Amino acid sequence: MIAVCPSCGTLNRVPDERAGDQPVCARCKTELLPTHPVALSDANLPAYLANSEQPVLVDFWAEWCGPCKAMAPHFEAAATALPGVRLAKVETDANPQASVFHRIRSIPTLVLFQGGREVARRSGALPAAELAAWVRASL
C-alpha cells in the first residue's frame, strides 16, 4: 500500500504485511499509520486525501465548539476501532480554505473520503460506537 506521511506529505510504500509494524516515513520519520487522529491543515489536506489508498475520516472542528470538544475522545477511540481507516482532524478556524472547499456549514462535521472523493458526511457529535458503525456502513 502507499501511505501518505501526515507530516511532510511524502508517499511511502508499505507492504501490506508490515502495516501493523508501526512504519515510519522514509523522509521525516513520522509514524505513517498512527492509531490516533492526525492534525491536517489547508496545506496538506488535499494531498493527503488524494494520495491515501486507505479511507480517510476527517473531523472538521473548532476550539470554541462544545460539541466538538465532547466528541474528541470518542473520535480518538474510534481510531482504534477502525484500523483500516485513517482519522484526521481539521481545525476550521485555522484552516478556512479546507472548510470552504469542503462546504463545512456546521461543526462538528465528519466527512469520509475514499480514493480522494467524499463518500459520506454527517454533522453533529457521535459516540465512538455509533461513529464506527456509521463508517463501516458507509464503506
N, C-alpha and C. Protein backbone atom coordinates (compact mmCIF):
# COMPACT_ATOMS: atom_id res chain seq x y z
N MET A 1 0.84 -1.17 0.00
CA MET A 1 0.00 0.00 0.00
C MET A 1 0.89 1.24 0.00
N ILE A 2 0.32 2.34 -0.47
CA ILE A 2 1.00 3.62 -0.42
C ILE A 2 0.42 4.39 0.77
N ALA A 3 1.29 4.84 1.67
CA ALA A 3 0.87 5.61 2.84
C ALA A 3 1.43 7.02 2.72
N VAL A 4 0.57 8.00 2.92
CA VAL A 4 0.97 9.40 2.86
C VAL A 4 1.41 9.84 4.25
N CYS A 5 2.56 10.45 4.33
CA CYS A 5 3.03 10.96 5.62
C CYS A 5 2.16 12.16 6.01
N PRO A 6 1.54 12.12 7.19
CA PRO A 6 0.71 13.25 7.62
C PRO A 6 1.52 14.49 7.96
N SER A 7 2.81 14.34 8.11
CA SER A 7 3.65 15.47 8.48
C SER A 7 4.26 16.17 7.27
N CYS A 8 4.94 15.40 6.39
CA CYS A 8 5.65 16.03 5.27
C CYS A 8 5.01 15.75 3.92
N GLY A 9 4.02 14.84 3.85
CA GLY A 9 3.33 14.56 2.60
C GLY A 9 4.03 13.57 1.69
N THR A 10 5.15 13.01 2.11
CA THR A 10 5.88 12.04 1.30
C THR A 10 5.06 10.77 1.14
N LEU A 11 5.08 10.22 -0.08
CA LEU A 11 4.41 8.95 -0.33
C LEU A 11 5.39 7.83 0.01
N ASN A 12 4.94 6.90 0.82
CA ASN A 12 5.78 5.79 1.28
C ASN A 12 5.12 4.47 0.91
N ARG A 13 5.88 3.55 0.34
CA ARG A 13 5.35 2.23 0.05
C ARG A 13 5.51 1.37 1.31
N VAL A 14 4.40 0.79 1.76
CA VAL A 14 4.40 -0.07 2.94
C VAL A 14 3.80 -1.41 2.53
N PRO A 15 4.57 -2.49 2.61
CA PRO A 15 3.99 -3.81 2.31
C PRO A 15 2.81 -4.08 3.24
N ASP A 16 1.74 -4.64 2.69
CA ASP A 16 0.53 -4.90 3.48
C ASP A 16 0.83 -5.69 4.74
N GLU A 17 1.73 -6.67 4.65
CA GLU A 17 2.04 -7.49 5.82
C GLU A 17 2.83 -6.73 6.88
N ARG A 18 3.34 -5.55 6.55
CA ARG A 18 4.11 -4.74 7.51
C ARG A 18 3.31 -3.56 8.06
N ALA A 19 2.06 -3.43 7.67
CA ALA A 19 1.25 -2.28 8.09
C ALA A 19 1.09 -2.22 9.61
N GLY A 20 1.08 -3.35 10.28
CA GLY A 20 0.94 -3.38 11.73
C GLY A 20 2.23 -3.18 12.49
N ASP A 21 3.33 -2.97 11.78
CA ASP A 21 4.64 -2.82 12.42
C ASP A 21 5.01 -1.38 12.73
N GLN A 22 4.05 -0.49 12.75
CA GLN A 22 4.26 0.94 13.02
C GLN A 22 5.32 1.54 12.09
N PRO A 23 5.06 1.50 10.76
CA PRO A 23 6.03 2.05 9.82
C PRO A 23 6.17 3.56 9.98
N VAL A 24 7.36 4.06 9.64
CA VAL A 24 7.62 5.49 9.72
C VAL A 24 7.99 6.02 8.35
N CYS A 25 7.84 7.31 8.16
CA CYS A 25 8.15 7.98 6.91
C CYS A 25 9.64 7.88 6.60
N ALA A 26 9.96 7.59 5.36
CA ALA A 26 11.36 7.50 4.95
C ALA A 26 12.07 8.85 5.04
N ARG A 27 11.31 9.93 4.90
CA ARG A 27 11.92 11.26 4.92
C ARG A 27 12.03 11.84 6.32
N CYS A 28 10.90 11.93 7.05
CA CYS A 28 10.90 12.67 8.32
C CYS A 28 10.75 11.78 9.56
N LYS A 29 10.57 10.48 9.35
CA LYS A 29 10.47 9.50 10.45
C LYS A 29 9.20 9.63 11.29
N THR A 30 8.17 10.32 10.78
CA THR A 30 6.88 10.40 11.45
C THR A 30 6.13 9.08 11.24
N GLU A 31 5.36 8.66 12.23
CA GLU A 31 4.57 7.44 12.12
C GLU A 31 3.57 7.58 10.97
N LEU A 32 3.54 6.61 10.07
CA LEU A 32 2.69 6.67 8.89
C LEU A 32 1.25 6.23 9.12
N LEU A 33 1.05 5.24 9.96
CA LEU A 33 -0.28 4.68 10.18
C LEU A 33 -0.61 4.73 11.67
N PRO A 34 -0.71 5.94 12.22
CA PRO A 34 -0.95 6.05 13.67
C PRO A 34 -2.33 5.52 14.05
N THR A 35 -2.43 5.10 15.29
CA THR A 35 -3.72 4.62 15.81
C THR A 35 -4.45 5.75 16.53
N HIS A 36 -4.14 6.96 16.17
CA HIS A 36 -4.82 8.14 16.71
C HIS A 36 -5.02 9.12 15.55
N PRO A 37 -5.96 10.05 15.69
CA PRO A 37 -6.18 11.02 14.62
C PRO A 37 -4.97 11.94 14.45
N VAL A 38 -4.71 12.33 13.20
CA VAL A 38 -3.64 13.27 12.90
C VAL A 38 -4.24 14.63 12.57
N ALA A 39 -3.52 15.68 12.90
CA ALA A 39 -3.96 17.05 12.58
C ALA A 39 -3.50 17.39 11.17
N LEU A 40 -4.43 17.82 10.33
CA LEU A 40 -4.11 18.25 8.98
C LEU A 40 -4.49 19.71 8.81
N SER A 41 -3.98 20.32 7.74
CA SER A 41 -4.17 21.75 7.52
C SER A 41 -4.57 22.02 6.07
N ASP A 42 -4.81 23.30 5.78
CA ASP A 42 -5.08 23.72 4.40
C ASP A 42 -3.98 23.23 3.47
N ALA A 43 -2.75 23.28 3.95
CA ALA A 43 -1.59 22.95 3.12
C ALA A 43 -1.48 21.47 2.79
N ASN A 44 -1.77 20.58 3.75
CA ASN A 44 -1.52 19.16 3.48
C ASN A 44 -2.77 18.30 3.31
N LEU A 45 -3.95 18.82 3.59
CA LEU A 45 -5.17 18.02 3.46
C LEU A 45 -5.42 17.54 2.03
N PRO A 46 -5.34 18.40 1.01
CA PRO A 46 -5.64 17.92 -0.35
C PRO A 46 -4.76 16.75 -0.79
N ALA A 47 -3.46 16.84 -0.58
CA ALA A 47 -2.56 15.77 -0.98
C ALA A 47 -2.78 14.51 -0.15
N TYR A 48 -3.07 14.68 1.13
CA TYR A 48 -3.31 13.54 2.00
C TYR A 48 -4.53 12.76 1.51
N LEU A 49 -5.60 13.47 1.17
CA LEU A 49 -6.82 12.81 0.70
C LEU A 49 -6.61 12.18 -0.68
N ALA A 50 -5.96 12.91 -1.57
CA ALA A 50 -5.78 12.44 -2.95
C ALA A 50 -4.87 11.22 -3.04
N ASN A 51 -3.89 11.13 -2.17
CA ASN A 51 -2.89 10.08 -2.28
C ASN A 51 -3.06 8.91 -1.33
N SER A 52 -4.00 8.99 -0.42
CA SER A 52 -4.18 7.92 0.56
C SER A 52 -4.96 6.77 -0.07
N GLU A 53 -4.40 5.57 0.00
CA GLU A 53 -5.10 4.39 -0.52
C GLU A 53 -6.17 3.91 0.45
N GLN A 54 -6.01 4.20 1.72
CA GLN A 54 -7.00 3.81 2.71
C GLN A 54 -8.06 4.90 2.83
N PRO A 55 -9.26 4.54 3.29
CA PRO A 55 -10.27 5.56 3.53
C PRO A 55 -9.77 6.54 4.61
N VAL A 56 -10.22 7.78 4.51
CA VAL A 56 -9.83 8.82 5.47
C VAL A 56 -11.11 9.46 6.03
N LEU A 57 -11.22 9.46 7.35
CA LEU A 57 -12.33 10.12 8.03
C LEU A 57 -11.81 11.41 8.63
N VAL A 58 -12.40 12.53 8.21
CA VAL A 58 -11.95 13.85 8.68
C VAL A 58 -13.00 14.46 9.59
N ASP A 59 -12.55 14.91 10.75
CA ASP A 59 -13.39 15.63 11.71
C ASP A 59 -13.07 17.11 11.56
N PHE A 60 -14.03 17.88 11.03
CA PHE A 60 -13.89 19.33 10.95
C PHE A 60 -14.45 19.89 12.25
N TRP A 61 -13.64 20.62 13.00
CA TRP A 61 -13.98 21.04 14.35
C TRP A 61 -13.42 22.44 14.62
N ALA A 62 -13.78 23.00 15.78
CA ALA A 62 -13.23 24.29 16.22
C ALA A 62 -12.98 24.25 17.72
N GLU A 63 -11.99 25.00 18.14
CA GLU A 63 -11.59 25.04 19.55
C GLU A 63 -12.72 25.53 20.46
N TRP A 64 -13.52 26.45 19.99
CA TRP A 64 -14.57 27.05 20.80
C TRP A 64 -15.86 26.21 20.85
N CYS A 65 -15.93 25.14 20.08
CA CYS A 65 -17.15 24.35 19.92
C CYS A 65 -17.28 23.29 21.02
N GLY A 66 -18.29 23.44 21.86
CA GLY A 66 -18.53 22.48 22.94
C GLY A 66 -18.78 21.07 22.45
N PRO A 67 -19.70 20.86 21.47
CA PRO A 67 -19.91 19.50 20.97
C PRO A 67 -18.65 18.89 20.34
N CYS A 68 -17.82 19.73 19.73
CA CYS A 68 -16.56 19.23 19.14
C CYS A 68 -15.65 18.69 20.24
N LYS A 69 -15.55 19.44 21.33
CA LYS A 69 -14.71 19.00 22.45
C LYS A 69 -15.28 17.75 23.11
N ALA A 70 -16.61 17.66 23.18
CA ALA A 70 -17.24 16.48 23.78
C ALA A 70 -17.03 15.25 22.91
N MET A 71 -16.97 15.42 21.60
CA MET A 71 -16.80 14.29 20.70
C MET A 71 -15.34 13.87 20.55
N ALA A 72 -14.40 14.73 20.89
CA ALA A 72 -12.97 14.45 20.67
C ALA A 72 -12.52 13.10 21.24
N PRO A 73 -12.85 12.75 22.49
CA PRO A 73 -12.41 11.44 22.99
C PRO A 73 -13.08 10.27 22.26
N HIS A 74 -14.29 10.48 21.77
CA HIS A 74 -14.98 9.43 21.02
C HIS A 74 -14.32 9.24 19.65
N PHE A 75 -13.91 10.35 19.04
CA PHE A 75 -13.21 10.28 17.76
C PHE A 75 -11.87 9.56 17.93
N GLU A 76 -11.19 9.87 19.03
CA GLU A 76 -9.91 9.21 19.35
C GLU A 76 -10.13 7.71 19.54
N ALA A 77 -11.18 7.33 20.25
CA ALA A 77 -11.48 5.91 20.49
C ALA A 77 -11.85 5.20 19.19
N ALA A 78 -12.51 5.89 18.30
CA ALA A 78 -12.89 5.29 17.02
C ALA A 78 -11.67 4.95 16.18
N ALA A 79 -10.57 5.66 16.38
CA ALA A 79 -9.34 5.38 15.62
C ALA A 79 -8.86 3.96 15.86
N THR A 80 -8.98 3.47 17.07
CA THR A 80 -8.55 2.10 17.36
C THR A 80 -9.60 1.08 16.89
N ALA A 81 -10.86 1.49 16.82
CA ALA A 81 -11.92 0.59 16.37
C ALA A 81 -11.98 0.47 14.85
N LEU A 82 -11.29 1.38 14.15
CA LEU A 82 -11.29 1.38 12.68
C LEU A 82 -9.86 1.30 12.15
N PRO A 83 -9.20 0.15 12.29
CA PRO A 83 -7.79 0.07 11.93
C PRO A 83 -7.49 0.30 10.45
N GLY A 84 -8.42 0.06 9.56
CA GLY A 84 -8.19 0.25 8.13
C GLY A 84 -8.54 1.63 7.63
N VAL A 85 -8.91 2.53 8.55
CA VAL A 85 -9.32 3.88 8.18
C VAL A 85 -8.37 4.86 8.86
N ARG A 86 -7.88 5.83 8.12
CA ARG A 86 -7.05 6.90 8.69
C ARG A 86 -7.98 7.99 9.21
N LEU A 87 -7.76 8.44 10.42
CA LEU A 87 -8.56 9.51 11.01
C LEU A 87 -7.75 10.78 11.09
N ALA A 88 -8.40 11.88 10.73
CA ALA A 88 -7.73 13.18 10.73
C ALA A 88 -8.66 14.24 11.28
N LYS A 89 -8.05 15.30 11.80
CA LYS A 89 -8.81 16.43 12.34
C LYS A 89 -8.35 17.70 11.63
N VAL A 90 -9.31 18.55 11.28
CA VAL A 90 -9.00 19.84 10.66
C VAL A 90 -9.71 20.91 11.48
N GLU A 91 -8.92 21.79 12.07
CA GLU A 91 -9.47 22.89 12.88
C GLU A 91 -9.93 23.98 11.91
N THR A 92 -11.25 24.21 11.88
CA THR A 92 -11.84 25.06 10.84
C THR A 92 -11.42 26.53 10.91
N ASP A 93 -11.23 27.07 12.09
CA ASP A 93 -10.84 28.47 12.19
C ASP A 93 -9.42 28.69 11.68
N ALA A 94 -8.54 27.75 11.93
CA ALA A 94 -7.15 27.87 11.50
C ALA A 94 -6.96 27.46 10.03
N ASN A 95 -7.95 26.78 9.47
CA ASN A 95 -7.84 26.27 8.10
C ASN A 95 -9.09 26.60 7.29
N PRO A 96 -9.31 27.88 7.02
CA PRO A 96 -10.56 28.28 6.35
C PRO A 96 -10.68 27.77 4.92
N GLN A 97 -9.57 27.58 4.21
CA GLN A 97 -9.66 27.10 2.82
C GLN A 97 -10.25 25.69 2.77
N ALA A 98 -9.81 24.82 3.66
CA ALA A 98 -10.35 23.46 3.70
C ALA A 98 -11.83 23.49 4.03
N SER A 99 -12.22 24.35 4.95
CA SER A 99 -13.62 24.45 5.35
C SER A 99 -14.50 24.92 4.20
N VAL A 100 -14.03 25.91 3.46
CA VAL A 100 -14.79 26.43 2.31
C VAL A 100 -14.85 25.38 1.20
N PHE A 101 -13.70 24.80 0.87
CA PHE A 101 -13.64 23.83 -0.22
C PHE A 101 -14.56 22.63 0.03
N HIS A 102 -14.63 22.18 1.27
CA HIS A 102 -15.45 21.01 1.61
C HIS A 102 -16.85 21.39 2.09
N ARG A 103 -17.21 22.67 1.93
CA ARG A 103 -18.56 23.16 2.24
C ARG A 103 -19.00 22.81 3.66
N ILE A 104 -18.16 23.13 4.62
CA ILE A 104 -18.48 22.89 6.02
C ILE A 104 -19.39 24.01 6.50
N ARG A 105 -20.59 23.67 6.89
CA ARG A 105 -21.59 24.67 7.32
C ARG A 105 -21.84 24.63 8.82
N SER A 106 -21.57 23.49 9.43
CA SER A 106 -21.75 23.36 10.87
C SER A 106 -20.65 22.43 11.39
N ILE A 107 -20.39 22.54 12.66
CA ILE A 107 -19.37 21.69 13.26
C ILE A 107 -19.92 21.08 14.55
N PRO A 108 -19.45 19.92 14.92
CA PRO A 108 -18.52 19.09 14.18
C PRO A 108 -19.18 18.47 12.95
N THR A 109 -18.40 18.33 11.89
CA THR A 109 -18.84 17.63 10.69
C THR A 109 -17.80 16.56 10.38
N LEU A 110 -18.28 15.35 10.16
CA LEU A 110 -17.42 14.23 9.79
C LEU A 110 -17.61 13.96 8.31
N VAL A 111 -16.49 13.87 7.58
CA VAL A 111 -16.54 13.58 6.15
C VAL A 111 -15.65 12.38 5.89
N LEU A 112 -16.21 11.38 5.25
CA LEU A 112 -15.49 10.15 4.92
C LEU A 112 -15.08 10.21 3.45
N PHE A 113 -13.78 10.02 3.20
CA PHE A 113 -13.23 10.04 1.85
C PHE A 113 -12.68 8.68 1.50
N GLN A 114 -12.82 8.31 0.23
CA GLN A 114 -12.19 7.09 -0.26
C GLN A 114 -11.72 7.38 -1.68
N GLY A 115 -10.45 7.10 -1.94
CA GLY A 115 -9.89 7.41 -3.24
C GLY A 115 -9.89 8.90 -3.54
N GLY A 116 -9.81 9.73 -2.50
CA GLY A 116 -9.80 11.18 -2.67
C GLY A 116 -11.16 11.81 -2.85
N ARG A 117 -12.22 11.00 -2.86
CA ARG A 117 -13.58 11.52 -3.06
C ARG A 117 -14.43 11.34 -1.81
N GLU A 118 -15.31 12.29 -1.59
CA GLU A 118 -16.24 12.19 -0.46
C GLU A 118 -17.25 11.09 -0.73
N VAL A 119 -17.41 10.19 0.27
CA VAL A 119 -18.39 9.11 0.13
C VAL A 119 -19.52 9.22 1.15
N ALA A 120 -19.29 9.96 2.24
CA ALA A 120 -20.34 10.13 3.25
C ALA A 120 -20.02 11.35 4.10
N ARG A 121 -21.07 11.91 4.69
CA ARG A 121 -20.92 13.10 5.53
C ARG A 121 -21.97 13.05 6.63
N ARG A 122 -21.58 13.53 7.80
CA ARG A 122 -22.52 13.57 8.92
C ARG A 122 -22.12 14.71 9.85
N SER A 123 -23.09 15.49 10.26
CA SER A 123 -22.83 16.59 11.19
C SER A 123 -23.38 16.23 12.56
N GLY A 124 -22.71 16.76 13.58
CA GLY A 124 -23.13 16.51 14.96
C GLY A 124 -22.20 15.52 15.65
N ALA A 125 -22.19 15.60 16.96
CA ALA A 125 -21.33 14.73 17.77
C ALA A 125 -21.91 13.32 17.82
N LEU A 126 -21.02 12.34 17.81
CA LEU A 126 -21.41 10.93 17.87
C LEU A 126 -20.57 10.20 18.89
N PRO A 127 -21.15 9.23 19.59
CA PRO A 127 -20.32 8.36 20.44
C PRO A 127 -19.48 7.44 19.56
N ALA A 128 -18.41 6.92 20.11
CA ALA A 128 -17.44 6.13 19.33
C ALA A 128 -18.08 4.93 18.63
N ALA A 129 -18.92 4.19 19.30
CA ALA A 129 -19.53 3.00 18.70
C ALA A 129 -20.41 3.37 17.51
N GLU A 130 -21.19 4.42 17.66
CA GLU A 130 -22.07 4.86 16.57
C GLU A 130 -21.25 5.39 15.40
N LEU A 131 -20.19 6.12 15.71
CA LEU A 131 -19.30 6.66 14.69
C LEU A 131 -18.67 5.52 13.89
N ALA A 132 -18.15 4.51 14.56
CA ALA A 132 -17.53 3.37 13.89
C ALA A 132 -18.55 2.61 13.04
N ALA A 133 -19.75 2.44 13.55
CA ALA A 133 -20.79 1.74 12.80
C ALA A 133 -21.17 2.52 11.55
N TRP A 134 -21.26 3.84 11.66
CA TRP A 134 -21.58 4.69 10.50
C TRP A 134 -20.49 4.57 9.43
N VAL A 135 -19.23 4.58 9.84
CA VAL A 135 -18.12 4.47 8.88
C VAL A 135 -18.19 3.11 8.18
N ARG A 136 -18.35 2.05 8.94
CA ARG A 136 -18.41 0.70 8.33
C ARG A 136 -19.57 0.59 7.36
N ALA A 137 -20.72 1.15 7.71
CA ALA A 137 -21.89 1.09 6.83
C ALA A 137 -21.70 1.94 5.57
N SER A 138 -20.87 2.97 5.66
CA SER A 138 -20.66 3.89 4.53
C SER A 138 -19.62 3.38 3.54
N LEU A 139 -18.80 2.43 3.97
CA LEU A 139 -17.73 1.94 3.08
C LEU A 139 -18.19 0.77 2.23
